[in-house]
Amino acid sequence: MDRTAIILAGDSPETFGSNKGLIQLAKKPMITHIIGRIQNFVNEIIICLKDDSQMHSYSQVIPKETRLVVDEREFPECPLRGAYTGLLNAESDYSVILPCDTPFVSGRVIDLLFDAAVGVKAAVPRWPDDNIEPLQAVYKTRDATDAARRALEGSCYSMRAMISLLKSVRYISTLVIKEIDPKMYTFMNINTPLDLRRAETLIKRNLLT
C-alpha cells in the first residue's frame, strides 16, 4: 500500500507569535520531530501551508524530499481546507492527516491506522466518550478528496463534516491504541508554553518510545 502523510501547518497562533510548526522543541523545529517519527512509515510527506509567506521559512528546515503546498484559496481558512489541499496533491491510495503540533505522533499507531483503513474509506481513532481524532486518522485519498470538497462547497468547514460524507468508516478504539502507546503521547498537542515545557521535559528524561 502506498502511503502519504499530510501535515497541516497553516496555523499561526498568537500564543507563540510564530508559525506553530517552526517552534523550537529540543533545539529543533517541532515539525521536524513529526517528520522524523513518521518518515519510515509512509512513501511521501506533504506539508500544507496557509499562504506563500510560509514557504521560505519551512523550506529551510524540512528534508528536501518533503513537499510543500499552499492551501487552495477558493475556500475559507480552516483545517478542512488544508486537508483538502493535501489530499488533492497526494499520490498515494491512502493518506494520514496530521496537525503540526503533535511532535510525539507514534509511527506504530499510524501503521495500525493504515492497516485498519484497508477496505474502508477511513480509519479514525475514537475515545470511549465517542469523541474522535480526525486529525490523526487515515483516509482513502480520492474518496476523502471528494468528500472534503463537497463539505467545503456546502459551507461545512469541519473535518467531521468530511467524515460524515464517507460511506464506510472504521473507528479504532483508543483503548487499542493505548496498547501501543500506553501514555498516549501520540495525541499530545502543543498549545501553550506549558505544553512546550512538558514536551521538553519528556525528551530530556528520555520518556518517549
N, C-alpha and C. Protein backbone atom coordinates (compact mmCIF):
# COMPACT_ATOMS: atom_id res chain seq x y z
N MET A 1 0.84 -1.20 0.00
CA MET A 1 0.00 0.00 0.00
C MET A 1 0.87 1.25 0.00
N ASP A 2 0.62 2.15 -0.98
CA ASP A 2 1.29 3.44 -0.97
C ASP A 2 0.66 4.33 0.09
N ARG A 3 1.49 5.08 0.80
CA ARG A 3 1.02 5.88 1.93
C ARG A 3 1.57 7.31 1.86
N THR A 4 0.68 8.26 2.06
CA THR A 4 1.07 9.66 2.14
C THR A 4 0.78 10.19 3.54
N ALA A 5 1.66 11.03 4.05
CA ALA A 5 1.40 11.77 5.28
C ALA A 5 1.19 13.23 4.93
N ILE A 6 0.08 13.79 5.38
CA ILE A 6 -0.25 15.19 5.15
C ILE A 6 -0.20 15.92 6.49
N ILE A 7 0.67 16.90 6.60
CA ILE A 7 0.81 17.66 7.85
C ILE A 7 0.25 19.06 7.63
N LEU A 8 -0.72 19.44 8.45
CA LEU A 8 -1.35 20.76 8.31
C LEU A 8 -0.57 21.78 9.12
N ALA A 9 0.06 22.71 8.42
CA ALA A 9 0.93 23.70 9.07
C ALA A 9 0.47 25.13 8.83
N GLY A 10 -0.82 25.32 8.60
CA GLY A 10 -1.32 26.66 8.34
C GLY A 10 -1.59 27.47 9.58
N ASP A 11 -1.54 26.81 10.74
CA ASP A 11 -1.87 27.50 11.98
C ASP A 11 -0.72 28.39 12.45
N SER A 12 -1.05 29.61 12.86
CA SER A 12 -0.02 30.51 13.43
C SER A 12 -0.62 31.22 14.63
N PRO A 13 -0.69 30.54 15.78
CA PRO A 13 -1.40 31.05 16.95
C PRO A 13 -0.71 32.24 17.60
N GLU A 14 -1.52 33.12 18.18
CA GLU A 14 -0.96 34.28 18.88
C GLU A 14 -0.18 33.85 20.11
N THR A 15 -0.52 32.69 20.66
CA THR A 15 0.15 32.21 21.87
C THR A 15 1.66 32.18 21.70
N PHE A 16 2.12 31.72 20.53
CA PHE A 16 3.55 31.58 20.28
C PHE A 16 4.10 32.70 19.39
N GLY A 17 3.23 33.40 18.71
CA GLY A 17 3.67 34.53 17.89
C GLY A 17 4.48 34.14 16.68
N SER A 18 4.34 32.91 16.19
CA SER A 18 5.09 32.47 15.02
C SER A 18 4.40 31.26 14.42
N ASN A 19 4.93 30.76 13.32
CA ASN A 19 4.40 29.53 12.75
C ASN A 19 4.56 28.40 13.75
N LYS A 20 3.47 27.76 14.07
CA LYS A 20 3.49 26.76 15.15
C LYS A 20 4.45 25.62 14.86
N GLY A 21 4.47 25.15 13.62
CA GLY A 21 5.34 24.03 13.29
C GLY A 21 6.82 24.33 13.38
N LEU A 22 7.16 25.62 13.42
CA LEU A 22 8.57 26.03 13.47
C LEU A 22 9.05 26.35 14.89
N ILE A 23 8.16 26.23 15.86
CA ILE A 23 8.56 26.46 17.26
C ILE A 23 9.67 25.49 17.63
N GLN A 24 10.67 25.98 18.32
CA GLN A 24 11.80 25.15 18.71
C GLN A 24 11.43 24.23 19.87
N LEU A 25 11.64 22.94 19.66
CA LEU A 25 11.45 21.92 20.69
C LEU A 25 12.71 21.08 20.74
N ALA A 26 13.41 21.14 21.87
CA ALA A 26 14.69 20.43 22.00
C ALA A 26 15.64 20.81 20.86
N LYS A 27 15.68 22.12 20.57
CA LYS A 27 16.60 22.70 19.59
C LYS A 27 16.31 22.30 18.15
N LYS A 28 15.08 21.85 17.90
CA LYS A 28 14.67 21.51 16.54
C LYS A 28 13.27 22.05 16.30
N PRO A 29 12.95 22.47 15.07
CA PRO A 29 11.57 22.88 14.78
C PRO A 29 10.61 21.72 15.05
N MET A 30 9.48 22.03 15.64
CA MET A 30 8.54 20.98 16.04
C MET A 30 8.15 20.07 14.88
N ILE A 31 7.99 20.64 13.70
CA ILE A 31 7.55 19.83 12.57
C ILE A 31 8.58 18.77 12.19
N THR A 32 9.85 19.02 12.46
CA THR A 32 10.87 18.02 12.13
C THR A 32 10.80 16.82 13.07
N HIS A 33 10.28 17.02 14.28
CA HIS A 33 10.04 15.87 15.18
C HIS A 33 8.99 14.95 14.56
N ILE A 34 7.94 15.56 14.03
CA ILE A 34 6.87 14.75 13.42
C ILE A 34 7.40 14.00 12.20
N ILE A 35 8.11 14.71 11.34
CA ILE A 35 8.66 14.07 10.14
C ILE A 35 9.56 12.90 10.51
N GLY A 36 10.40 13.09 11.49
CA GLY A 36 11.32 12.04 11.90
C GLY A 36 10.61 10.80 12.43
N ARG A 37 9.46 10.98 13.04
CA ARG A 37 8.75 9.86 13.65
C ARG A 37 7.88 9.10 12.65
N ILE A 38 7.56 9.71 11.52
CA ILE A 38 6.65 9.04 10.57
C ILE A 38 7.29 8.67 9.24
N GLN A 39 8.48 9.20 8.97
CA GLN A 39 9.02 9.06 7.61
C GLN A 39 9.26 7.62 7.18
N ASN A 40 9.50 6.72 8.11
CA ASN A 40 9.72 5.33 7.76
C ASN A 40 8.43 4.55 7.54
N PHE A 41 7.30 5.20 7.77
CA PHE A 41 6.00 4.52 7.65
C PHE A 41 5.19 4.98 6.45
N VAL A 42 5.72 5.95 5.69
CA VAL A 42 5.00 6.50 4.54
C VAL A 42 5.92 6.62 3.34
N ASN A 43 5.31 6.79 2.17
CA ASN A 43 6.08 6.93 0.93
C ASN A 43 6.35 8.39 0.57
N GLU A 44 5.49 9.28 1.04
CA GLU A 44 5.69 10.70 0.78
C GLU A 44 5.11 11.52 1.93
N ILE A 45 5.66 12.70 2.11
CA ILE A 45 5.18 13.63 3.12
C ILE A 45 4.87 14.96 2.46
N ILE A 46 3.68 15.46 2.71
CA ILE A 46 3.24 16.76 2.18
C ILE A 46 2.94 17.67 3.36
N ILE A 47 3.45 18.89 3.31
CA ILE A 47 3.14 19.89 4.34
C ILE A 47 2.28 20.97 3.70
N CYS A 48 1.11 21.21 4.28
CA CYS A 48 0.18 22.19 3.75
C CYS A 48 0.32 23.51 4.50
N LEU A 49 0.59 24.58 3.76
CA LEU A 49 0.80 25.90 4.32
C LEU A 49 -0.39 26.81 4.03
N LYS A 50 -0.59 27.80 4.88
CA LYS A 50 -1.72 28.72 4.72
C LYS A 50 -1.55 29.62 3.51
N ASP A 51 -0.32 30.13 3.32
CA ASP A 51 -0.06 31.03 2.20
C ASP A 51 1.42 31.00 1.84
N ASP A 52 1.75 31.73 0.79
CA ASP A 52 3.12 31.72 0.27
C ASP A 52 4.14 32.29 1.25
N SER A 53 3.67 33.11 2.20
CA SER A 53 4.60 33.74 3.14
C SER A 53 5.30 32.72 4.03
N GLN A 54 4.73 31.54 4.16
CA GLN A 54 5.33 30.49 4.99
C GLN A 54 6.36 29.66 4.24
N MET A 55 6.34 29.74 2.92
CA MET A 55 7.12 28.82 2.10
C MET A 55 8.62 28.88 2.41
N HIS A 56 9.18 30.07 2.48
CA HIS A 56 10.63 30.18 2.68
C HIS A 56 11.05 29.60 4.03
N SER A 57 10.34 29.95 5.09
CA SER A 57 10.72 29.50 6.43
C SER A 57 10.70 27.99 6.54
N TYR A 58 9.65 27.37 5.99
CA TYR A 58 9.57 25.91 6.08
C TYR A 58 10.58 25.22 5.18
N SER A 59 10.82 25.80 4.03
CA SER A 59 11.76 25.16 3.09
C SER A 59 13.18 25.10 3.66
N GLN A 60 13.49 25.96 4.63
CA GLN A 60 14.82 25.99 5.22
C GLN A 60 15.05 24.85 6.22
N VAL A 61 13.98 24.23 6.72
CA VAL A 61 14.15 23.28 7.82
C VAL A 61 13.71 21.85 7.50
N ILE A 62 12.93 21.66 6.45
CA ILE A 62 12.41 20.32 6.19
C ILE A 62 13.33 19.56 5.23
N PRO A 63 13.29 18.23 5.26
CA PRO A 63 14.07 17.44 4.30
C PRO A 63 13.68 17.77 2.86
N LYS A 64 14.63 17.69 1.97
CA LYS A 64 14.39 18.12 0.58
C LYS A 64 13.33 17.28 -0.12
N GLU A 65 13.14 16.04 0.32
CA GLU A 65 12.15 15.19 -0.34
C GLU A 65 10.72 15.47 0.14
N THR A 66 10.58 16.29 1.16
CA THR A 66 9.25 16.66 1.66
C THR A 66 8.65 17.75 0.79
N ARG A 67 7.38 17.61 0.42
CA ARG A 67 6.72 18.56 -0.47
C ARG A 67 5.97 19.63 0.32
N LEU A 68 6.07 20.86 -0.14
CA LEU A 68 5.32 21.97 0.43
C LEU A 68 4.25 22.41 -0.56
N VAL A 69 3.02 22.54 -0.09
CA VAL A 69 1.94 23.04 -0.94
C VAL A 69 1.18 24.12 -0.17
N VAL A 70 0.58 25.03 -0.90
CA VAL A 70 -0.18 26.13 -0.30
C VAL A 70 -1.67 25.84 -0.44
N ASP A 71 -2.41 26.10 0.63
CA ASP A 71 -3.85 25.81 0.66
C ASP A 71 -4.60 26.43 -0.51
N GLU A 72 -5.60 25.69 -0.97
CA GLU A 72 -6.49 26.18 -2.01
C GLU A 72 -7.20 27.45 -1.52
N ARG A 73 -7.15 28.49 -2.32
CA ARG A 73 -7.67 29.80 -1.89
C ARG A 73 -9.18 29.96 -2.05
N GLU A 74 -9.82 29.04 -2.75
CA GLU A 74 -11.25 29.25 -3.05
C GLU A 74 -12.15 29.03 -1.84
N PHE A 75 -11.58 28.45 -0.76
CA PHE A 75 -12.39 28.19 0.43
C PHE A 75 -11.84 28.96 1.63
N PRO A 76 -12.67 29.21 2.65
CA PRO A 76 -12.21 29.92 3.85
C PRO A 76 -11.13 29.12 4.58
N GLU A 77 -10.29 29.84 5.32
CA GLU A 77 -9.21 29.21 6.08
C GLU A 77 -9.79 28.33 7.18
N CYS A 78 -9.40 27.05 7.18
CA CYS A 78 -9.85 26.09 8.19
C CYS A 78 -9.03 24.81 8.00
N PRO A 79 -8.98 23.94 9.02
CA PRO A 79 -8.23 22.69 8.86
C PRO A 79 -8.70 21.85 7.68
N LEU A 80 -10.02 21.87 7.40
CA LEU A 80 -10.52 21.08 6.28
C LEU A 80 -9.97 21.57 4.96
N ARG A 81 -9.77 22.89 4.82
CA ARG A 81 -9.17 23.42 3.60
C ARG A 81 -7.76 22.86 3.43
N GLY A 82 -6.99 22.82 4.52
CA GLY A 82 -5.65 22.25 4.46
C GLY A 82 -5.68 20.77 4.12
N ALA A 83 -6.62 20.05 4.74
CA ALA A 83 -6.74 18.62 4.46
C ALA A 83 -7.09 18.39 2.99
N TYR A 84 -8.01 19.18 2.48
CA TYR A 84 -8.40 19.06 1.07
C TYR A 84 -7.20 19.32 0.15
N THR A 85 -6.42 20.35 0.46
CA THR A 85 -5.25 20.66 -0.35
C THR A 85 -4.26 19.49 -0.35
N GLY A 86 -4.01 18.93 0.83
CA GLY A 86 -3.09 17.80 0.92
C GLY A 86 -3.59 16.60 0.17
N LEU A 87 -4.87 16.27 0.35
CA LEU A 87 -5.45 15.12 -0.35
C LEU A 87 -5.41 15.30 -1.86
N LEU A 88 -5.65 16.53 -2.31
CA LEU A 88 -5.64 16.83 -3.74
C LEU A 88 -4.26 16.59 -4.34
N ASN A 89 -3.23 16.79 -3.54
CA ASN A 89 -1.85 16.66 -4.02
C ASN A 89 -1.22 15.30 -3.73
N ALA A 90 -1.89 14.50 -2.93
CA ALA A 90 -1.32 13.20 -2.55
C ALA A 90 -1.31 12.22 -3.72
N GLU A 91 -0.25 11.45 -3.82
CA GLU A 91 -0.11 10.50 -4.91
C GLU A 91 -0.45 9.07 -4.48
N SER A 92 -0.68 8.86 -3.19
CA SER A 92 -0.92 7.51 -2.67
C SER A 92 -2.41 7.20 -2.56
N ASP A 93 -2.71 5.91 -2.45
CA ASP A 93 -4.10 5.49 -2.31
C ASP A 93 -4.68 5.88 -0.96
N TYR A 94 -3.82 5.91 0.07
CA TYR A 94 -4.27 6.23 1.43
C TYR A 94 -3.40 7.35 2.00
N SER A 95 -4.02 8.21 2.80
CA SER A 95 -3.30 9.34 3.39
C SER A 95 -3.64 9.49 4.86
N VAL A 96 -2.63 9.73 5.67
CA VAL A 96 -2.85 10.09 7.06
C VAL A 96 -2.77 11.61 7.16
N ILE A 97 -3.72 12.21 7.88
CA ILE A 97 -3.72 13.65 8.07
C ILE A 97 -3.34 13.95 9.51
N LEU A 98 -2.36 14.84 9.68
CA LEU A 98 -1.81 15.15 10.99
C LEU A 98 -1.74 16.66 11.20
N PRO A 99 -1.87 17.11 12.44
CA PRO A 99 -1.60 18.52 12.74
C PRO A 99 -0.10 18.73 12.91
N CYS A 100 0.32 19.97 12.92
CA CYS A 100 1.76 20.26 13.03
C CYS A 100 2.21 20.40 14.49
N ASP A 101 1.29 20.15 15.43
CA ASP A 101 1.63 20.37 16.85
C ASP A 101 1.55 19.11 17.70
N THR A 102 1.72 17.94 17.06
CA THR A 102 1.77 16.67 17.80
C THR A 102 3.15 16.05 17.58
N PRO A 103 4.17 16.56 18.27
CA PRO A 103 5.54 16.15 17.97
C PRO A 103 5.86 14.70 18.33
N PHE A 104 5.00 14.06 19.12
CA PHE A 104 5.29 12.69 19.54
C PHE A 104 4.36 11.68 18.88
N VAL A 105 3.84 12.04 17.72
CA VAL A 105 2.98 11.11 16.99
C VAL A 105 3.71 9.77 16.84
N SER A 106 2.99 8.70 17.05
CA SER A 106 3.57 7.36 17.03
C SER A 106 3.51 6.75 15.63
N GLY A 107 4.66 6.41 15.10
CA GLY A 107 4.69 5.73 13.81
C GLY A 107 3.97 4.40 13.86
N ARG A 108 4.05 3.71 14.98
CA ARG A 108 3.37 2.41 15.12
C ARG A 108 1.85 2.59 15.12
N VAL A 109 1.38 3.67 15.73
CA VAL A 109 -0.06 3.94 15.69
C VAL A 109 -0.50 4.27 14.27
N ILE A 110 0.29 5.08 13.58
CA ILE A 110 -0.02 5.41 12.19
C ILE A 110 -0.04 4.14 11.33
N ASP A 111 0.91 3.25 11.57
CA ASP A 111 0.97 1.98 10.85
C ASP A 111 -0.32 1.18 11.08
N LEU A 112 -0.77 1.13 12.33
CA LEU A 112 -2.01 0.44 12.67
C LEU A 112 -3.19 1.04 11.91
N LEU A 113 -3.26 2.36 11.86
CA LEU A 113 -4.38 3.02 11.20
C LEU A 113 -4.38 2.78 9.69
N PHE A 114 -3.21 2.76 9.09
CA PHE A 114 -3.13 2.44 7.66
C PHE A 114 -3.65 1.02 7.41
N ASP A 115 -3.22 0.07 8.24
CA ASP A 115 -3.69 -1.30 8.07
C ASP A 115 -5.20 -1.39 8.26
N ALA A 116 -5.72 -0.64 9.23
CA ALA A 116 -7.15 -0.69 9.52
C ALA A 116 -7.99 -0.04 8.42
N ALA A 117 -7.38 0.83 7.62
CA ALA A 117 -8.12 1.55 6.59
C ALA A 117 -8.36 0.72 5.33
N VAL A 118 -7.67 -0.40 5.21
CA VAL A 118 -7.83 -1.23 4.02
C VAL A 118 -9.27 -1.74 3.94
N GLY A 119 -9.89 -1.51 2.80
CA GLY A 119 -11.25 -1.98 2.59
C GLY A 119 -12.34 -1.02 3.02
N VAL A 120 -11.96 0.11 3.63
CA VAL A 120 -12.94 1.13 4.02
C VAL A 120 -12.45 2.49 3.53
N LYS A 121 -13.20 3.53 3.83
CA LYS A 121 -12.85 4.87 3.35
C LYS A 121 -12.04 5.66 4.36
N ALA A 122 -12.01 5.20 5.62
CA ALA A 122 -11.24 5.90 6.65
C ALA A 122 -11.09 5.02 7.88
N ALA A 123 -10.00 5.24 8.61
CA ALA A 123 -9.79 4.62 9.91
C ALA A 123 -9.52 5.75 10.89
N VAL A 124 -10.44 5.94 11.84
CA VAL A 124 -10.42 7.12 12.70
C VAL A 124 -10.39 6.70 14.17
N PRO A 125 -9.43 7.18 14.97
CA PRO A 125 -9.42 6.88 16.40
C PRO A 125 -10.65 7.47 17.09
N ARG A 126 -11.20 6.70 18.03
CA ARG A 126 -12.37 7.18 18.77
C ARG A 126 -12.21 6.87 20.26
N TRP A 127 -12.44 7.89 21.09
CA TRP A 127 -12.34 7.76 22.55
C TRP A 127 -13.60 7.11 23.11
N PRO A 128 -13.52 6.58 24.33
CA PRO A 128 -14.70 5.94 24.95
C PRO A 128 -15.91 6.86 25.05
N ASP A 129 -15.69 8.19 25.11
CA ASP A 129 -16.82 9.13 25.18
C ASP A 129 -17.36 9.49 23.80
N ASP A 130 -16.89 8.78 22.76
CA ASP A 130 -17.31 8.95 21.36
C ASP A 130 -16.68 10.15 20.65
N ASN A 131 -15.83 10.91 21.33
CA ASN A 131 -15.05 11.94 20.62
C ASN A 131 -14.06 11.25 19.69
N ILE A 132 -13.80 11.88 18.55
CA ILE A 132 -12.90 11.26 17.57
C ILE A 132 -11.68 12.15 17.33
N GLU A 133 -10.69 11.56 16.67
CA GLU A 133 -9.45 12.26 16.34
C GLU A 133 -9.30 12.33 14.82
N PRO A 134 -10.02 13.24 14.17
CA PRO A 134 -9.97 13.32 12.70
C PRO A 134 -8.64 13.81 12.16
N LEU A 135 -7.82 14.44 13.03
CA LEU A 135 -6.51 14.91 12.59
C LEU A 135 -5.38 13.98 13.04
N GLN A 136 -5.74 12.75 13.28
CA GLN A 136 -4.73 11.69 13.38
C GLN A 136 -5.41 10.42 12.91
N ALA A 137 -5.83 10.49 11.63
CA ALA A 137 -6.62 9.43 11.03
C ALA A 137 -6.16 9.19 9.60
N VAL A 138 -6.49 8.01 9.09
CA VAL A 138 -6.11 7.62 7.72
C VAL A 138 -7.34 7.59 6.84
N TYR A 139 -7.20 8.12 5.63
CA TYR A 139 -8.33 8.23 4.70
C TYR A 139 -7.97 7.63 3.34
N LYS A 140 -8.96 7.05 2.69
CA LYS A 140 -8.83 6.67 1.27
C LYS A 140 -8.76 7.97 0.49
N THR A 141 -7.63 8.21 -0.15
CA THR A 141 -7.32 9.55 -0.64
C THR A 141 -8.37 10.14 -1.57
N ARG A 142 -8.73 9.44 -2.61
CA ARG A 142 -9.63 10.03 -3.59
C ARG A 142 -11.05 10.20 -3.03
N ASP A 143 -11.52 9.23 -2.27
CA ASP A 143 -12.85 9.36 -1.67
C ASP A 143 -12.89 10.54 -0.70
N ALA A 144 -11.83 10.68 0.09
CA ALA A 144 -11.78 11.78 1.06
C ALA A 144 -11.65 13.13 0.36
N THR A 145 -10.92 13.15 -0.76
CA THR A 145 -10.81 14.40 -1.54
C THR A 145 -12.20 14.86 -1.98
N ASP A 146 -12.97 13.94 -2.53
CA ASP A 146 -14.31 14.27 -3.00
C ASP A 146 -15.20 14.71 -1.83
N ALA A 147 -15.11 14.00 -0.71
CA ALA A 147 -15.94 14.33 0.45
C ALA A 147 -15.55 15.69 1.02
N ALA A 148 -14.26 15.97 1.06
CA ALA A 148 -13.80 17.27 1.58
C ALA A 148 -14.31 18.40 0.70
N ARG A 149 -14.23 18.23 -0.59
CA ARG A 149 -14.70 19.29 -1.50
C ARG A 149 -16.21 19.50 -1.36
N ARG A 150 -16.95 18.41 -1.26
CA ARG A 150 -18.40 18.55 -1.11
C ARG A 150 -18.75 19.27 0.18
N ALA A 151 -18.03 18.94 1.26
CA ALA A 151 -18.28 19.61 2.54
C ALA A 151 -17.98 21.10 2.44
N LEU A 152 -16.84 21.43 1.86
CA LEU A 152 -16.45 22.83 1.72
C LEU A 152 -17.42 23.60 0.83
N GLU A 153 -17.83 22.99 -0.25
CA GLU A 153 -18.79 23.65 -1.15
C GLU A 153 -20.15 23.85 -0.48
N GLY A 154 -20.45 23.02 0.51
CA GLY A 154 -21.68 23.16 1.26
C GLY A 154 -21.53 24.04 2.49
N SER A 155 -20.40 24.75 2.55
CA SER A 155 -20.11 25.66 3.68
C SER A 155 -20.03 24.93 5.01
N CYS A 156 -19.58 23.68 4.97
CA CYS A 156 -19.32 22.90 6.19
C CYS A 156 -17.81 22.77 6.30
N TYR A 157 -17.22 23.35 7.34
CA TYR A 157 -15.78 23.52 7.37
C TYR A 157 -15.05 22.66 8.40
N SER A 158 -15.71 21.66 8.95
CA SER A 158 -15.07 20.80 9.95
C SER A 158 -14.65 19.47 9.32
N MET A 159 -13.64 18.87 9.91
CA MET A 159 -13.21 17.55 9.46
C MET A 159 -14.33 16.53 9.62
N ARG A 160 -15.13 16.70 10.66
CA ARG A 160 -16.25 15.77 10.88
C ARG A 160 -17.26 15.85 9.75
N ALA A 161 -17.40 17.01 9.15
CA ALA A 161 -18.31 17.14 8.01
C ALA A 161 -17.83 16.28 6.85
N MET A 162 -16.53 16.25 6.62
CA MET A 162 -15.98 15.40 5.58
C MET A 162 -16.23 13.93 5.90
N ILE A 163 -15.93 13.55 7.15
CA ILE A 163 -16.09 12.15 7.55
C ILE A 163 -17.53 11.69 7.40
N SER A 164 -18.48 12.58 7.69
CA SER A 164 -19.90 12.21 7.60
C SER A 164 -20.33 11.88 6.18
N LEU A 165 -19.55 12.33 5.20
CA LEU A 165 -19.88 12.07 3.80
C LEU A 165 -19.22 10.81 3.26
N LEU A 166 -18.38 10.17 4.06
CA LEU A 166 -17.73 8.93 3.64
C LEU A 166 -18.64 7.75 3.95
N LYS A 167 -18.74 6.85 3.01
CA LYS A 167 -19.73 5.77 3.13
C LYS A 167 -19.36 4.70 4.15
N SER A 168 -18.09 4.44 4.34
CA SER A 168 -17.69 3.42 5.30
C SER A 168 -16.47 3.90 6.07
N VAL A 169 -16.63 4.01 7.38
CA VAL A 169 -15.56 4.47 8.26
C VAL A 169 -15.36 3.44 9.36
N ARG A 170 -14.11 3.07 9.57
CA ARG A 170 -13.78 2.14 10.66
C ARG A 170 -13.22 2.94 11.83
N TYR A 171 -13.89 2.85 12.96
CA TYR A 171 -13.44 3.58 14.15
C TYR A 171 -12.57 2.65 15.00
N ILE A 172 -11.42 3.17 15.38
CA ILE A 172 -10.44 2.40 16.16
C ILE A 172 -10.45 2.92 17.59
N SER A 173 -10.78 2.06 18.53
CA SER A 173 -10.86 2.48 19.93
C SER A 173 -9.48 2.94 20.42
N THR A 174 -9.48 4.04 21.16
CA THR A 174 -8.22 4.50 21.75
C THR A 174 -7.70 3.50 22.79
N LEU A 175 -8.55 2.61 23.25
CA LEU A 175 -8.09 1.55 24.15
C LEU A 175 -7.12 0.62 23.43
N VAL A 176 -7.38 0.39 22.15
CA VAL A 176 -6.45 -0.41 21.33
C VAL A 176 -5.16 0.37 21.12
N ILE A 177 -5.28 1.65 20.83
CA ILE A 177 -4.09 2.49 20.61
C ILE A 177 -3.24 2.57 21.88
N LYS A 178 -3.90 2.55 23.02
CA LYS A 178 -3.18 2.63 24.29
C LYS A 178 -2.27 1.42 24.51
N GLU A 179 -2.60 0.30 23.90
CA GLU A 179 -1.73 -0.88 24.00
C GLU A 179 -0.41 -0.65 23.28
N ILE A 180 -0.42 0.20 22.26
CA ILE A 180 0.79 0.54 21.52
C ILE A 180 1.51 1.71 22.17
N ASP A 181 0.75 2.69 22.61
CA ASP A 181 1.29 3.92 23.19
C ASP A 181 0.63 4.15 24.56
N PRO A 182 1.11 3.48 25.60
CA PRO A 182 0.44 3.49 26.91
C PRO A 182 0.18 4.88 27.49
N LYS A 183 1.06 5.82 27.25
CA LYS A 183 0.89 7.18 27.78
C LYS A 183 0.11 8.08 26.83
N MET A 184 -0.23 7.56 25.67
CA MET A 184 -1.00 8.29 24.66
C MET A 184 -0.31 9.60 24.24
N TYR A 185 1.00 9.57 24.21
CA TYR A 185 1.74 10.76 23.79
C TYR A 185 1.47 11.10 22.33
N THR A 186 1.02 10.11 21.56
CA THR A 186 0.75 10.35 20.13
C THR A 186 -0.26 11.47 19.93
N PHE A 187 -1.17 11.67 20.89
CA PHE A 187 -2.20 12.69 20.78
C PHE A 187 -1.85 13.99 21.51
N MET A 188 -0.66 14.09 22.04
CA MET A 188 -0.29 15.26 22.83
C MET A 188 -0.08 16.48 21.93
N ASN A 189 -0.92 17.49 22.12
CA ASN A 189 -0.81 18.74 21.36
C ASN A 189 -0.01 19.78 22.12
N ILE A 190 0.71 20.60 21.39
CA ILE A 190 1.44 21.73 21.99
C ILE A 190 0.63 22.99 21.71
N ASN A 191 -0.12 23.42 22.70
CA ASN A 191 -0.99 24.59 22.53
C ASN A 191 -0.57 25.78 23.37
N THR A 192 0.25 25.56 24.39
CA THR A 192 0.65 26.63 25.30
C THR A 192 2.13 26.49 25.63
N PRO A 193 2.75 27.54 26.17
CA PRO A 193 4.14 27.42 26.63
C PRO A 193 4.31 26.32 27.68
N LEU A 194 3.29 26.08 28.50
CA LEU A 194 3.37 25.00 29.49
C LEU A 194 3.45 23.64 28.79
N ASP A 195 2.67 23.45 27.74
CA ASP A 195 2.75 22.22 26.96
C ASP A 195 4.15 22.04 26.38
N LEU A 196 4.72 23.13 25.92
CA LEU A 196 6.05 23.07 25.33
C LEU A 196 7.09 22.66 26.37
N ARG A 197 6.99 23.21 27.56
CA ARG A 197 7.93 22.84 28.63
C ARG A 197 7.77 21.38 29.01
N ARG A 198 6.53 20.91 29.05
CA ARG A 198 6.30 19.49 29.36
C ARG A 198 6.93 18.60 28.29
N ALA A 199 6.78 18.99 27.04
CA ALA A 199 7.37 18.21 25.95
C ALA A 199 8.89 18.20 26.05
N GLU A 200 9.47 19.33 26.38
CA GLU A 200 10.93 19.41 26.57
C GLU A 200 11.36 18.44 27.67
N THR A 201 10.60 18.39 28.74
CA THR A 201 10.93 17.51 29.87
C THR A 201 10.87 16.05 29.46
N LEU A 202 9.86 15.67 28.69
CA LEU A 202 9.74 14.29 28.22
C LEU A 202 10.95 13.89 27.39
N ILE A 203 11.41 14.80 26.54
CA ILE A 203 12.57 14.50 25.71
C ILE A 203 13.83 14.40 26.56
N LYS A 204 14.04 15.35 27.46
CA LYS A 204 15.24 15.36 28.29
C LYS A 204 15.34 14.13 29.18
N ARG A 205 14.20 13.66 29.67
CA ARG A 205 14.19 12.49 30.54
C ARG A 205 14.08 11.18 29.77
N ASN A 206 14.07 11.29 28.46
CA ASN A 206 14.02 10.11 27.60
C ASN A 206 12.83 9.20 27.94
N LEU A 207 11.66 9.82 28.07
CA LEU A 207 10.47 9.09 28.47
C LEU A 207 9.61 8.66 27.29
N LEU A 208 10.08 8.94 26.08
CA LEU A 208 9.30 8.61 24.90
C LEU A 208 9.77 7.29 24.31
N THR A 209 8.82 6.63 23.63
CA THR A 209 9.18 5.37 22.96
C THR A 209 9.40 5.61 21.48
